[in-house]
Every structure is written in structure tokens, then in C-alpha cells.
PDB file of N, CA and C in Angstrom:
ATOM      1  N   MET A   1     175.398  15.724  76.875  1.00  0.00           N
ATOM      2  CA  MET A   1     175.038  17.108  77.130  1.00  0.00           C
ATOM      3  C   MET A   1     173.872  17.464  76.214  1.00  0.00           C
ATOM      4  N   GLU A   2     172.889  18.119  76.739  1.00  0.00           N
ATOM      5  CA  GLU A   2     171.744  18.551  75.947  1.00  0.00           C
ATOM      6  C   GLU A   2     172.165  19.679  75.002  1.00  0.00           C
ATOM      7  N   LEU A   3     171.499  19.761  73.863  1.00  0.00           N
ATOM      8  CA  LEU A   3     171.827  20.771  72.852  1.00  0.00           C
ATOM      9  C   LEU A   3     171.744  22.181  73.416  1.00  0.00           C
ATOM     10  N   GLY A   4     170.674  22.495  74.130  1.00  0.00           N
ATOM     11  CA  GLY A   4     170.518  23.839  74.696  1.00  0.00           C
ATOM     12  C   GLY A   4     171.643  24.197  75.650  1.00  0.00           C
ATOM     13  N   GLU A   5     172.052  23.241  76.457  1.00  0.00           N
ATOM     14  CA  GLU A   5     173.144  23.464  77.405  1.00  0.00           C
ATOM     15  C   GLU A   5     174.458  23.702  76.657  1.00  0.00           C
ATOM     16  N   PHE A   6     174.691  22.931  75.597  1.00  0.00           N
ATOM     17  CA  PHE A   6     175.904  23.110  74.789  1.00  0.00           C
ATOM     18  C   PHE A   6     175.964  24.507  74.178  1.00  0.00           C
ATOM     19  N   VAL A   7     174.861  24.955  73.586  1.00  0.00           N
ATOM     20  CA  VAL A   7     174.817  26.287  72.962  1.00  0.00           C
ATOM     21  C   VAL A   7     175.040  27.353  74.028  1.00  0.00           C
ATOM     22  N   LYS A   8     174.318  27.247  75.150  1.00  0.00           N
ATOM     23  CA  LYS A   8     174.434  28.236  76.235  1.00  0.00           C
ATOM     24  C   LYS A   8     175.868  28.313  76.753  1.00  0.00           C
ATOM     25  N   GLU A   9     176.462  27.172  77.054  1.00  0.00           N
ATOM     26  CA  GLU A   9     177.819  27.161  77.604  1.00  0.00           C
ATOM     27  C   GLU A   9     178.848  27.662  76.592  1.00  0.00           C
ATOM     28  N   SER A  10     178.656  27.325  75.318  1.00  0.00           N
ATOM     29  CA  SER A  10     179.583  27.807  74.282  1.00  0.00           C
ATOM     30  C   SER A  10     179.574  29.324  74.222  1.00  0.00           C
ATOM     31  N   ILE A  11     178.382  29.917  74.191  1.00  0.00           N
ATOM     32  CA  ILE A  11     178.269  31.380  74.105  1.00  0.00           C
ATOM     33  C   ILE A  11     178.806  32.030  75.380  1.00  0.00           C
ATOM     34  N   LYS A  12     178.494  31.466  76.543  1.00  0.00           N
ATOM     35  CA  LYS A  12     179.002  32.022  77.800  1.00  0.00           C
ATOM     36  C   LYS A  12     180.528  32.015  77.821  1.00  0.00           C
ATOM     37  N   GLN A  13     181.137  30.918  77.352  1.00  0.00           N
ATOM     38  CA  GLN A  13     182.595  30.834  77.361  1.00  0.00           C
ATOM     39  C   GLN A  13     183.215  31.809  76.369  1.00  0.00           C
ATOM     40  N   LEU A  14     182.560  32.023  75.231  1.00  0.00           N
ATOM     41  CA  LEU A  14     183.062  33.014  74.275  1.00  0.00           C
ATOM     42  C   LEU A  14     183.013  34.415  74.883  1.00  0.00           C
ATOM     43  N   ILE A  15     181.903  34.764  75.532  1.00  0.00           N
ATOM     44  CA  ILE A  15     181.787  36.083  76.166  1.00  0.00           C
ATOM     45  C   ILE A  15     182.850  36.244  77.245  1.00  0.00           C
ATOM     46  N   ASP A  16     183.019  35.228  78.099  1.00  0.00           N
ATOM     47  CA  ASP A  16     184.047  35.287  79.139  1.00  0.00           C
ATOM     48  C   ASP A  16     185.439  35.424  78.535  1.00  0.00           C
ATOM     49  N   GLY A  17     185.687  34.740  77.419  1.00  0.00           N
ATOM     50  CA  GLY A  17     186.980  34.844  76.744  1.00  0.00           C
ATOM     51  C   GLY A  17     187.225  36.245  76.208  1.00  0.00           C
ATOM     52  N   VAL A  18     186.193  36.873  75.648  1.00  0.00           N
ATOM     53  CA  VAL A  18     186.334  38.247  75.152  1.00  0.00           C
ATOM     54  C   VAL A  18     186.645  39.186  76.315  1.00  0.00           C
ATOM     55  N   ILE A  19     185.932  39.032  77.430  1.00  0.00           N
ATOM     56  CA  ILE A  19     186.170  39.898  78.592  1.00  0.00           C
ATOM     57  C   ILE A  19     187.592  39.717  79.113  1.00  0.00           C
ATOM     58  N   ASP A  20     188.069  38.479  79.211  1.00  0.00           N
ATOM     59  CA  ASP A  20     189.444  38.233  79.657  1.00  0.00           C
ATOM     60  C   ASP A  20     190.451  38.840  78.689  1.00  0.00           C
ATOM     61  N   ALA A  21     190.183  38.708  77.387  1.00  0.00           N
ATOM     62  CA  ALA A  21     191.083  39.288  76.383  1.00  0.00           C
ATOM     63  C   ALA A  21     191.080  40.818  76.476  1.00  0.00           C
ATOM     64  N   GLN A  22     189.929  41.409  76.781  1.00  0.00           N
ATOM     65  CA  GLN A  22     189.859  42.868  76.924  1.00  0.00           C
ATOM     66  C   GLN A  22     190.699  43.344  78.105  1.00  0.00           C
ATOM     67  N   LYS A  23     190.660  42.607  79.197  1.00  0.00           N
ATOM     68  CA  LYS A  23     191.480  42.971  80.369  1.00  0.00           C
ATOM     69  C   LYS A  23     192.954  42.928  80.007  1.00  0.00           C
ATOM     70  N   TYR A  24     193.359  41.887  79.312  1.00  0.00           N
ATOM     71  CA  TYR A  24     194.754  41.762  78.889  1.00  0.00           C
ATOM     72  C   TYR A  24     195.123  42.881  77.921  1.00  0.00           C
ATOM     73  N   ALA A  25     194.235  43.138  76.952  1.00  0.00           N
ATOM     74  CA  ALA A  25     194.504  44.176  75.954  1.00  0.00           C
ATOM     75  C   ALA A  25     194.666  45.540  76.613  1.00  0.00           C
ATOM     76  N   GLU A  26     193.835  45.830  77.608  1.00  0.00           N
ATOM     77  CA  GLU A  26     193.917  47.120  78.294  1.00  0.00           C
ATOM     78  C   GLU A  26     195.280  47.309  78.954  1.00  0.00           C
ATOM     79  N   GLU A  27     195.804  46.245  79.553  1.00  0.00           N
ATOM     80  CA  GLU A  27     197.134  46.302  80.171  1.00  0.00           C
ATOM     81  C   GLU A  27     198.221  46.597  79.145  1.00  0.00           C
ATOM     82  N   LYS A  28     198.012  46.187  77.901  1.00  0.00           N
ATOM     83  CA  LYS A  28     199.014  46.335  76.849  1.00  0.00           C
ATOM     84  C   LYS A  28     198.750  47.540  75.946  1.00  0.00           C
ATOM     85  N   GLY A  29     197.722  48.340  76.253  1.00  0.00           N
ATOM     86  CA  GLY A  29     197.415  49.513  75.438  1.00  0.00           C
ATOM     87  C   GLY A  29     196.696  49.177  74.145  1.00  0.00           C
ATOM     88  N   ALA A  30     196.007  48.054  74.121  1.00  0.00           N
ATOM     89  CA  ALA A  30     195.265  47.630  72.929  1.00  0.00           C
ATOM     90  C   ALA A  30     193.782  47.553  73.281  1.00  0.00           C
ATOM     91  N   ALA A  31     192.951  47.187  72.304  1.00  0.00           N
ATOM     92  CA  ALA A  31     191.519  47.046  72.548  1.00  0.00           C
ATOM     93  C   ALA A  31     190.977  45.853  71.776  1.00  0.00           C
ATOM     94  N   VAL A  32     190.074  45.121  72.396  1.00  0.00           N
ATOM     95  CA  VAL A  32     189.380  44.001  71.770  1.00  0.00           C
ATOM     96  C   VAL A  32     187.926  44.416  71.609  1.00  0.00           C
ATOM     97  N   ASN A  33     187.406  44.331  70.390  1.00  0.00           N
ATOM     98  CA  ASN A  33     186.047  44.764  70.075  1.00  0.00           C
ATOM     99  C   ASN A  33     185.830  46.207  70.537  1.00  0.00           C
ATOM    100  N   PRO A  34     186.602  47.133  69.979  1.00  0.00           N
ATOM    101  CA  PRO A  34     186.553  48.526  70.450  1.00  0.00           C
ATOM    102  C   PRO A  34     185.223  49.216  70.162  1.00  0.00           C
ATOM    103  N   VAL A  35     184.870  50.131  71.040  1.00  0.00           N
ATOM    104  CA  VAL A  35     183.692  50.975  70.835  1.00  0.00           C
ATOM    105  C   VAL A  35     183.907  51.777  69.564  1.00  0.00           C
ATOM    106  N   GLY A  36     182.864  51.903  68.743  1.00  0.00           N
ATOM    107  CA  GLY A  36     182.946  52.692  67.520  1.00  0.00           C
ATOM    108  C   GLY A  36     183.396  51.910  66.306  1.00  0.00           C
ATOM    109  N   LEU A  37     183.603  50.598  66.453  1.00  0.00           N
ATOM    110  CA  LEU A  37     184.023  49.760  65.332  1.00  0.00           C
ATOM    111  C   LEU A  37     182.892  49.657  64.318  1.00  0.00           C
ATOM    112  N   TYR A  38     183.216  49.815  63.040  1.00  0.00           N
ATOM    113  CA  TYR A  38     182.216  49.642  61.989  1.00  0.00           C
ATOM    114  C   TYR A  38     182.883  49.111  60.742  1.00  0.00           C
ATOM    115  N   ILE A  39     182.052  48.598  59.833  1.00  0.00           N
ATOM    116  CA  ILE A  39     182.556  48.022  58.594  1.00  0.00           C
ATOM    117  C   ILE A  39     182.300  48.998  57.465  1.00  0.00           C
ATOM    118  N   ASN A  40     183.342  49.286  56.700  1.00  0.00           N
ATOM    119  CA  ASN A  40     183.241  50.137  55.516  1.00  0.00           C
ATOM    120  C   ASN A  40     183.676  49.265  54.344  1.00  0.00           C
ATOM    121  N   GLY A  41     182.699  48.674  53.670  1.00  0.00           N
ATOM    122  CA  GLY A  41     183.029  47.708  52.617  1.00  0.00           C
ATOM    123  C   GLY A  41     183.564  46.448  53.255  1.00  0.00           C
ATOM    124  N   GLN A  42     184.843  46.146  53.002  1.00  0.00           N
ATOM    125  CA  GLN A  42     185.470  44.968  53.609  1.00  0.00           C
ATOM    126  C   GLN A  42     186.457  45.350  54.699  1.00  0.00           C
ATOM    127  N   ASN A  43     186.506  46.626  55.048  1.00  0.00           N
ATOM    128  CA  ASN A  43     187.451  47.095  56.053  1.00  0.00           C
ATOM    129  C   ASN A  43     186.754  47.409  57.367  1.00  0.00           C
ATOM    130  N   PHE A  44     187.427  47.078  58.456  1.00  0.00           N
ATOM    131  CA  PHE A  44     186.941  47.470  59.770  1.00  0.00           C
ATOM    132  C   PHE A  44     187.604  48.791  60.125  1.00  0.00           C
ATOM    133  N   LEU A  45     186.814  49.760  60.540  1.00  0.00           N
ATOM    134  CA  LEU A  45     187.316  51.071  60.938  1.00  0.00           C
ATOM    135  C   LEU A  45     186.770  51.399  62.318  1.00  0.00           C
ATOM    136  N   VAL A  46     187.413  52.352  62.985  1.00  0.00           N
ATOM    137  CA  VAL A  46     186.933  52.792  64.290  1.00  0.00           C
ATOM    138  C   VAL A  46     186.575  54.259  64.194  1.00  0.00           C
ATOM    139  N   ASP A  47     185.327  54.589  64.528  1.00  0.00           N
ATOM    140  CA  ASP A  47     184.843  55.962  64.575  1.00  0.00           C
ATOM    141  C   ASP A  47     185.275  56.544  65.911  1.00  0.00           C
ATOM    142  N   GLN A  48     186.222  57.469  65.908  1.00  0.00           N
ATOM    143  CA  GLN A  48     186.735  58.034  67.155  1.00  0.00           C
ATOM    144  C   GLN A  48     185.673  58.847  67.900  1.00  0.00           C
ATOM    145  N   GLY A  49     184.583  59.226  67.181  1.00  0.00           N
ATOM    146  CA  GLY A  49     183.487  59.924  67.845  1.00  0.00           C
ATOM    147  C   GLY A  49     182.537  58.955  68.524  1.00  0.00           C
ATOM    148  N   PHE A  50     182.792  57.667  68.387  1.00  0.00           N
ATOM    149  CA  PHE A  50     182.004  56.598  69.003  1.00  0.00           C
ATOM    150  C   PHE A  50     180.524  56.686  68.637  1.00  0.00           C
ATOM    151  N   GLY A  51     180.243  57.083  67.391  1.00  0.00           N
ATOM    152  CA  GLY A  51     178.863  57.206  66.959  1.00  0.00           C
ATOM    153  C   GLY A  51     178.305  55.962  66.306  1.00  0.00           C
ATOM    154  N   GLN A  52     179.076  54.911  66.171  1.00  0.00           N
ATOM    155  CA  GLN A  52     178.623  53.709  65.483  1.00  0.00           C
ATOM    156  C   GLN A  52     178.038  52.704  66.476  1.00  0.00           C
ATOM    157  N   PRO A  53     176.954  52.021  66.087  1.00  0.00           N
ATOM    158  CA  PRO A  53     176.406  50.977  66.959  1.00  0.00           C
ATOM    159  C   PRO A  53     177.319  49.749  66.961  1.00  0.00           C
ATOM    160  N   PRO A  54     177.202  48.903  67.985  1.00  0.00           N
ATOM    161  CA  PRO A  54     178.033  47.696  68.025  1.00  0.00           C
ATOM    162  C   PRO A  54     177.718  46.758  66.860  1.00  0.00           C
ATOM    163  N   ILE A  55     178.710  45.999  66.446  1.00  0.00           N
ATOM    164  CA  ILE A  55     178.558  45.045  65.348  1.00  0.00           C
ATOM    165  C   ILE A  55     178.337  43.661  65.941  1.00  0.00           C
ATOM    166  N   PRO A  56     177.207  43.020  65.605  1.00  0.00           N
ATOM    167  CA  PRO A  56     177.023  41.647  66.106  1.00  0.00           C
ATOM    168  C   PRO A  56     178.001  40.696  65.419  1.00  0.00           C
ATOM    169  N   GLN A  57     178.524  39.776  66.182  1.00  0.00           N
ATOM    170  CA  GLN A  57     179.378  38.723  65.647  1.00  0.00           C
ATOM    171  C   GLN A  57     178.507  37.493  65.454  1.00  0.00           C
ATOM    172  N   MET A  58     178.680  36.821  64.337  1.00  0.00           N
ATOM    173  CA  MET A  58     177.879  35.641  64.052  1.00  0.00           C
ATOM    174  C   MET A  58     178.622  34.397  64.529  1.00  0.00           C
ATOM    175  N   ILE A  59     178.032  33.680  65.470  1.00  0.00           N
ATOM    176  CA  ILE A  59     178.606  32.436  65.966  1.00  0.00           C
ATOM    177  C   ILE A  59     177.944  31.306  65.198  1.00  0.00           C
ATOM    178  N   ASP A  60     178.739  30.622  64.387  1.00  0.00           N
ATOM    179  CA  ASP A  60     178.235  29.524  63.571  1.00  0.00           C
ATOM    180  C   ASP A  60     178.333  28.217  64.355  1.00  0.00           C
ATOM    181  N   PHE A  61     177.233  27.512  64.429  1.00  0.00           N
ATOM    182  CA  PHE A  61     177.204  26.191  65.042  1.00  0.00           C
ATOM    183  C   PHE A  61     176.957  25.163  63.946  1.00  0.00           C
ATOM    184  N   ASP A  62     177.711  24.107  63.966  1.00  0.00           N
ATOM    185  CA  ASP A  62     177.535  22.970  63.062  1.00  0.00           C
ATOM    186  C   ASP A  62     177.641  21.739  63.952  1.00  0.00           C
ATOM    187  N   ILE A  63     176.510  21.196  64.344  1.00  0.00           N
ATOM    188  CA  ILE A  63     176.452  20.204  65.408  1.00  0.00           C
ATOM    189  C   ILE A  63     175.829  18.914  64.900  1.00  0.00           C
ATOM    190  N   VAL A  64     176.380  17.802  65.362  1.00  0.00           N
ATOM    191  CA  VAL A  64     175.777  16.502  65.113  1.00  0.00           C
ATOM    192  C   VAL A  64     175.069  16.100  66.393  1.00  0.00           C
ATOM    193  N   VAL A  65     173.773  15.839  66.286  1.00  0.00           N
ATOM    194  CA  VAL A  65     172.966  15.419  67.423  1.00  0.00           C
ATOM    195  C   VAL A  65     172.599  13.966  67.200  1.00  0.00           C
ATOM    196  N   SER A  66     172.903  13.117  68.182  1.00  0.00           N
ATOM    197  CA  SER A  66     172.552  11.704  68.040  1.00  0.00           C
ATOM    198  C   SER A  66     171.626  11.289  69.167  1.00  0.00           C
ATOM    199  N   ALA A  67     170.668  10.469  68.839  1.00  0.00           N
ATOM    200  CA  ALA A  67     169.738   9.915  69.823  1.00  0.00           C
ATOM    201  C   ALA A  67     169.899   8.410  69.803  1.00  0.00           C
ATOM    202  N   SER A  68     170.046   7.801  70.981  1.00  0.00           N
ATOM    203  CA  SER A  68     170.233   6.355  71.080  1.00  0.00           C
ATOM    204  C   SER A  68     169.228   5.778  72.054  1.00  0.00           C
ATOM    205  N   GLU A  69     168.783   4.573  71.754  1.00  0.00           N
ATOM    206  CA  GLU A  69     167.957   3.853  72.704  1.00  0.00           C
ATOM    207  C   GLU A  69     168.054   2.365  72.420  1.00  0.00           C
ATOM    208  N   GLY A  70     167.813   1.576  73.440  1.00  0.00           N
ATOM    209  CA  GLY A  70     167.830   0.127  73.266  1.00  0.00           C
ATOM    210  C   GLY A  70     168.643  -0.538  74.336  1.00  0.00           C
ATOM    211  N   GLY A  71     168.400  -1.838  74.550  1.00  0.00           N
ATOM    212  CA  GLY A  71     169.140  -2.613  75.537  1.00  0.00           C
ATOM    213  C   GLY A  71     169.136  -1.929  76.889  1.00  0.00           C
ATOM    214  N   GLU A  72     170.305  -1.760  77.480  1.00  0.00           N
ATOM    215  CA  GLU A  72     170.425  -1.112  78.777  1.00  0.00           C
ATOM    216  C   GLU A  72     170.764   0.365  78.644  1.00  0.00           C
ATOM    217  N   ILE A  73     170.826   0.870  77.422  1.00  0.00           N
ATOM    218  CA  ILE A  73     171.150   2.280  77.215  1.00  0.00           C
ATOM    219  C   ILE A  73     169.869   3.083  77.335  1.00  0.00           C
ATOM    220  N   LYS A  74     169.897   4.109  78.167  1.00  0.00           N
ATOM    221  CA  LYS A  74     168.736   4.974  78.306  1.00  0.00           C
ATOM    222  C   LYS A  74     168.652   5.883  77.088  1.00  0.00           C
ATOM    223  N   ALA A  75     167.439   6.195  76.688  1.00  0.00           N
ATOM    224  CA  ALA A  75     167.260   7.117  75.571  1.00  0.00           C
ATOM    225  C   ALA A  75     167.809   8.474  75.967  1.00  0.00           C
ATOM    226  N   GLY A  76     168.488   9.139  75.066  1.00  0.00           N
ATOM    227  CA  GLY A  76     169.035  10.459  75.363  1.00  0.00           C
ATOM    228  C   GLY A  76     169.613  11.081  74.122  1.00  0.00           C
ATOM    229  N   ILE A  77     170.019  12.302  74.265  1.00  0.00           N
ATOM    230  CA  ILE A  77     170.611  13.037  73.148  1.00  0.00           C
ATOM    231  C   ILE A  77     172.027  13.414  73.530  1.00  0.00           C
ATOM    232  N   GLY A  78     172.962  13.156  72.646  1.00  0.00           N
ATOM    233  CA  GLY A  78     174.347  13.564  72.850  1.00  0.00           C
ATOM    234  C   GLY A  78     174.735  14.548  71.776  1.00  0.00           C
ATOM    235  N   VAL A  79     175.480  15.551  72.149  1.00  0.00           N
ATOM    236  CA  VAL A  79     175.941  16.547  71.191  1.00  0.00           C
ATOM    237  C   VAL A  79     177.413  16.295  70.940  1.00  0.00           C
ATOM    238  N   PHE A  80     177.781  16.199  69.672  1.00  0.00           N
ATOM    239  CA  PHE A  80     179.165  15.957  69.300  1.00  0.00           C
ATOM    240  C   PHE A  80     179.572  17.018  68.291  1.00  0.00           C
ATOM    241  N   GLY A  81     180.549  17.853  68.617  1.00  0.00           N
ATOM    242  CA  GLY A  81     180.937  18.930  67.718  1.00  0.00           C
ATOM    243  C   GLY A  81     182.417  18.895  67.406  1.00  0.00           C
ATOM    244  N   GLY A  82     182.768  18.891  66.145  1.00  0.00           N
ATOM    245  CA  GLY A  82     184.160  18.954  65.716  1.00  0.00           C
ATOM    246  C   GLY A  82     185.000  17.886  66.371  1.00  0.00           C
ATOM    247  N   ALA A  83     186.172  18.270  66.865  1.00  0.00           N
ATOM    248  CA  ALA A  83     187.092  17.324  67.490  1.00  0.00           C
ATOM    249  C   ALA A  83     186.761  17.120  68.960  1.00  0.00           C
ATOM    250  N   ILE A  84     185.818  17.894  69.486  1.00  0.00           N
ATOM    251  CA  ILE A  84     185.476  17.785  70.890  1.00  0.00           C
ATOM    252  C   ILE A  84     184.247  16.907  71.017  1.00  0.00           C
ATOM    253  N   GLY A  85     184.349  15.810  71.713  1.00  0.00           N
ATOM    254  CA  GLY A  85     183.203  14.939  71.927  1.00  0.00           C
ATOM    255  C   GLY A  85     182.517  15.313  73.220  1.00  0.00           C
ATOM    256  N   LEU A  86     181.286  15.698  73.136  1.00  0.00           N
ATOM    257  CA  LEU A  86     180.512  16.054  74.314  1.00  0.00           C
ATOM    258  C   LEU A  86     179.335  15.111  74.404  1.00  0.00           C
ATOM    259  N   GLY A  87     179.013  14.674  75.592  1.00  0.00           N
ATOM    260  CA  GLY A  87     177.896  13.765  75.759  1.00  0.00           C
ATOM    261  C   GLY A  87     178.406  12.395  76.174  1.00  0.00           C
ATOM    262  N   THR A  88     177.552  11.414  76.069  1.00  0.00           N
ATOM    263  CA  THR A  88     177.900  10.067  76.486  1.00  0.00           C
ATOM    264  C   THR A  88     177.783   9.123  75.305  1.00  0.00           C
ATOM    265  N   GLN A  89     178.775   8.266  75.144  1.00  0.00           N
ATOM    266  CA  GLN A  89     178.734   7.260  74.102  1.00  0.00           C
ATOM    267  C   GLN A  89     178.818   5.896  74.772  1.00  0.00           C
ATOM    268  N   ALA A  90     178.048   4.946  74.289  1.00  0.00           N
ATOM    269  CA  ALA A  90     178.104   3.594  74.839  1.00  0.00           C
ATOM    270  C   ALA A  90     177.903   2.598  73.711  1.00  0.00           C
ATOM    271  N   LYS A  91     178.426   1.386  73.898  1.00  0.00           N
ATOM    272  CA  LYS A  91     178.258   0.334  72.901  1.00  0.00           C
ATOM    273  C   LYS A  91     177.214  -0.655  73.390  1.00  0.00           C
ATOM    274  N   ASN A  92     176.336  -1.009  72.481  1.00  0.00           N
ATOM    275  CA  ASN A  92     175.329  -2.027  72.779  1.00  0.00           C
ATOM    276  C   ASN A  92     174.853  -2.562  71.444  1.00  0.00           C
ATOM    277  N   GLU A  93     174.969  -3.864  71.241  1.00  0.00           N
ATOM    278  CA  GLU A  93     174.614  -4.439  69.949  1.00  0.00           C
ATOM    279  C   GLU A  93     173.133  -4.325  69.632  1.00  0.00           C
ATOM    280  N   ASP A  94     172.289  -4.178  70.644  1.00  0.00           N
ATOM    281  CA  ASP A  94     170.847  -4.108  70.438  1.00  0.00           C
ATOM    282  C   ASP A  94     170.331  -2.673  70.423  1.00  0.00           C
ATOM    283  N   SER A  95     171.188  -1.695  70.206  1.00  0.00           N
ATOM    284  CA  SER A  95     170.735  -0.307  70.266  1.00  0.00           C
ATOM    285  C   SER A  95     170.512   0.262  68.874  1.00  0.00           C
ATOM    286  N   ASN A  96     169.672   1.267  68.816  1.00  0.00           N
ATOM    287  CA  ASN A  96     169.427   2.019  67.581  1.00  0.00           C
ATOM    288  C   ASN A  96     169.916   3.428  67.791  1.00  0.00           C
ATOM    289  N   THR A  97     170.661   3.945  66.828  1.00  0.00           N
ATOM    290  CA  THR A  97     171.180   5.305  66.930  1.00  0.00           C
ATOM    291  C   THR A  97     170.798   6.077  65.681  1.00  0.00           C
ATOM    292  N   VAL A  98     170.314   7.290  65.899  1.00  0.00           N
ATOM    293  CA  VAL A  98     169.979   8.189  64.804  1.00  0.00           C
ATOM    294  C   VAL A  98     170.794   9.453  64.992  1.00  0.00           C
ATOM    295  N   ALA A  99     171.472   9.904  63.948  1.00  0.00           N
ATOM    296  CA  ALA A  99     172.272  11.126  64.022  1.00  0.00           C
ATOM    297  C   ALA A  99     171.756  12.132  63.011  1.00  0.00           C
ATOM    298  N   ASN A 100     171.660  13.360  63.439  1.00  0.00           N
ATOM    299  CA  ASN A 100     171.245  14.459  62.579  1.00  0.00           C
ATOM    300  C   ASN A 100     172.229  15.604  62.713  1.00  0.00           C
ATOM    301  N   ARG A 101     172.413  16.305  61.629  1.00  0.00           N
ATOM    302  CA  ARG A 101     173.302  17.459  61.622  1.00  0.00           C
ATOM    303  C   ARG A 101     172.451  18.717  61.670  1.00  0.00           C
ATOM    304  N   ILE A 102     172.816  19.632  62.563  1.00  0.00           N
ATOM    305  CA  ILE A 102     172.097  20.896  62.712  1.00  0.00           C
ATOM    306  C   ILE A 102     173.099  22.027  62.507  1.00  0.00           C
ATOM    307  N   ARG A 103     172.752  22.940  61.629  1.00  0.00           N
ATOM    308  CA  ARG A 103     173.584  24.126  61.405  1.00  0.00           C
ATOM    309  C   ARG A 103     172.736  25.352  61.679  1.00  0.00           C
ATOM    310  N   PHE A 104     173.284  26.288  62.458  1.00  0.00           N
ATOM    311  CA  PHE A 104     172.571  27.531  62.722  1.00  0.00           C
ATOM    312  C   PHE A 104     173.567  28.595  63.152  1.00  0.00           C
ATOM    313  N   VAL A 105     173.121  29.831  63.119  1.00  0.00           N
ATOM    314  CA  VAL A 105     173.958  30.981  63.468  1.00  0.00           C
ATOM    315  C   VAL A 105     173.255  31.750  64.574  1.00  0.00           C
ATOM    316  N   VAL A 106     174.029  32.171  65.569  1.00  0.00           N
ATOM    317  CA  VAL A 106     173.500  32.992  66.648  1.00  0.00           C
ATOM    318  C   VAL A 106     174.275  34.313  66.647  1.00  0.00           C
ATOM    319  N   PRO A 107     173.595  35.442  66.373  1.00  0.00           N
ATOM    320  CA  PRO A 107     174.296  36.726  66.456  1.00  0.00           C
ATOM    321  C   PRO A 107     174.467  37.133  67.922  1.00  0.00           C
ATOM    322  N   VAL A 108     175.680  37.562  68.268  1.00  0.00           N
ATOM    323  CA  VAL A 108     175.988  37.990  69.633  1.00  0.00           C
ATOM    324  C   VAL A 108     176.734  39.314  69.558  1.00  0.00           C
ATOM    325  N   MET A 109     176.327  40.263  70.389  1.00  0.00           N
ATOM    326  CA  MET A 109     177.074  41.511  70.496  1.00  0.00           C
ATOM    327  C   MET A 109     177.927  41.410  71.759  1.00  0.00           C
ATOM    328  N   PHE A 110     179.219  41.249  71.549  1.00  0.00           N
ATOM    329  CA  PHE A 110     180.144  41.102  72.660  1.00  0.00           C
ATOM    330  C   PHE A 110     180.343  42.450  73.352  1.00  0.00           C
ATOM    331  N   PRO A 111     180.792  42.416  74.616  1.00  0.00           N
ATOM    332  CA  PRO A 111     181.072  43.671  75.306  1.00  0.00           C
ATOM    333  C   PRO A 111     182.098  44.481  74.514  1.00  0.00           C
ATOM    334  N   GLN A 112     181.941  45.798  74.564  1.00  0.00           N
ATOM    335  CA  GLN A 112     182.884  46.662  73.853  1.00  0.00           C
ATOM    336  C   GLN A 112     183.871  47.276  74.831  1.00  0.00           C
ATOM    337  N   GLN A 113     185.000  47.702  74.286  1.00  0.00           N
ATOM    338  CA  GLN A 113     186.076  48.262  75.092  1.00  0.00           C
ATOM    339  C   GLN A 113     186.472  49.600  74.501  1.00  0.00           C
ATOM    340  N   ASN A 114     186.693  50.586  75.369  1.00  0.00           N
ATOM    341  CA  ASN A 114     187.153  51.882  74.893  1.00  0.00           C
ATOM    342  C   ASN A 114     188.570  51.767  74.352  1.00  0.00           C
ATOM    343  N   MET A 115     188.861  52.577  73.351  1.00  0.00           N
ATOM    344  CA  MET A 115     190.207  52.597  72.778  1.00  0.00           C
ATOM    345  C   MET A 115     191.182  53.155  73.808  1.00  0.00           C
ATOM    346  N   PRO A 116     192.430  52.683  73.818  1.00  0.00           N
ATOM    347  CA  PRO A 116     193.418  53.212  74.768  1.00  0.00           C
ATOM    348  C   PRO A 116     193.715  54.671  74.447  1.00  0.00           C
ATOM    349  N   GLN A 117     193.934  55.436  75.484  1.00  0.00           N
ATOM    350  CA  GLN A 117     194.288  56.854  75.323  1.00  0.00           C
ATOM    351  C   GLN A 117     195.767  56.966  74.989  1.00  0.00           C
ATOM    352  N   LYS A 118     196.056  57.810  74.011  1.00  0.00           N
ATOM    353  CA  LYS A 118     197.470  57.978  73.592  1.00  0.00           C
ATOM    354  C   LYS A 118     198.111  59.088  74.363  1.00  0.00           C
TER     355      LYS A 118
END
């Protein structure tokens, strides 16, 4: 899997997960990433007047990118993250593999949800 595709799909799945969690929370009278959420020191508070801007969430990526070429293996880039192996791995005694670690943060503002009415 190409690095760009991995980042894109990871963020898309996180957004979809937040939306699904919001639907569930609404059924239960709760809220996920509520409108008006803000940080006061180390505490998260909700402004009931909804005057606070959304808080971006920082998505940390720590990715190992490997490039292989040689023998019958086509040159390419595989992304391998944590316990999940993504990409293609092959064995070939005549191949050269280079691995690099990339760390970066992507700020994302997830959809917000109104607080349940009491």
C-alpha cells in the first residue's frame, strides 16, 4: 500500500468511526465530540452557549516505510505500521531492502454532535 493511500484511508476510517459512534451515542443520550467542547487547563469542558470553536484532534502516525528491489521483486514501497502489516512482503536472496521510519502528526477536526436535550 502506498503511504498516501494508507494515511488517507486511516483518516477516513477514523472519521467514519466517529460518525458511527455519534449515532450510537445519540440513541443513548450521550455525545461524542460535542459542540462547544473546549480545554480549560487540563480539563475538557462544554460551553452550553456553543461559543467555542472545534478542537482539532492530533492523529499521530509512526510508520515504517520499506523499499525493495532486486531479482524478480518489483521495486515498490510497503507501509508497515504497528501490529498491522500493510503492503506486500516477499523473500528473495538477491534483493535489497531499505527501511525508514516516518513520524508525523495530522490535525483533524472531527464532526461535532449537539449535546442531548435533558
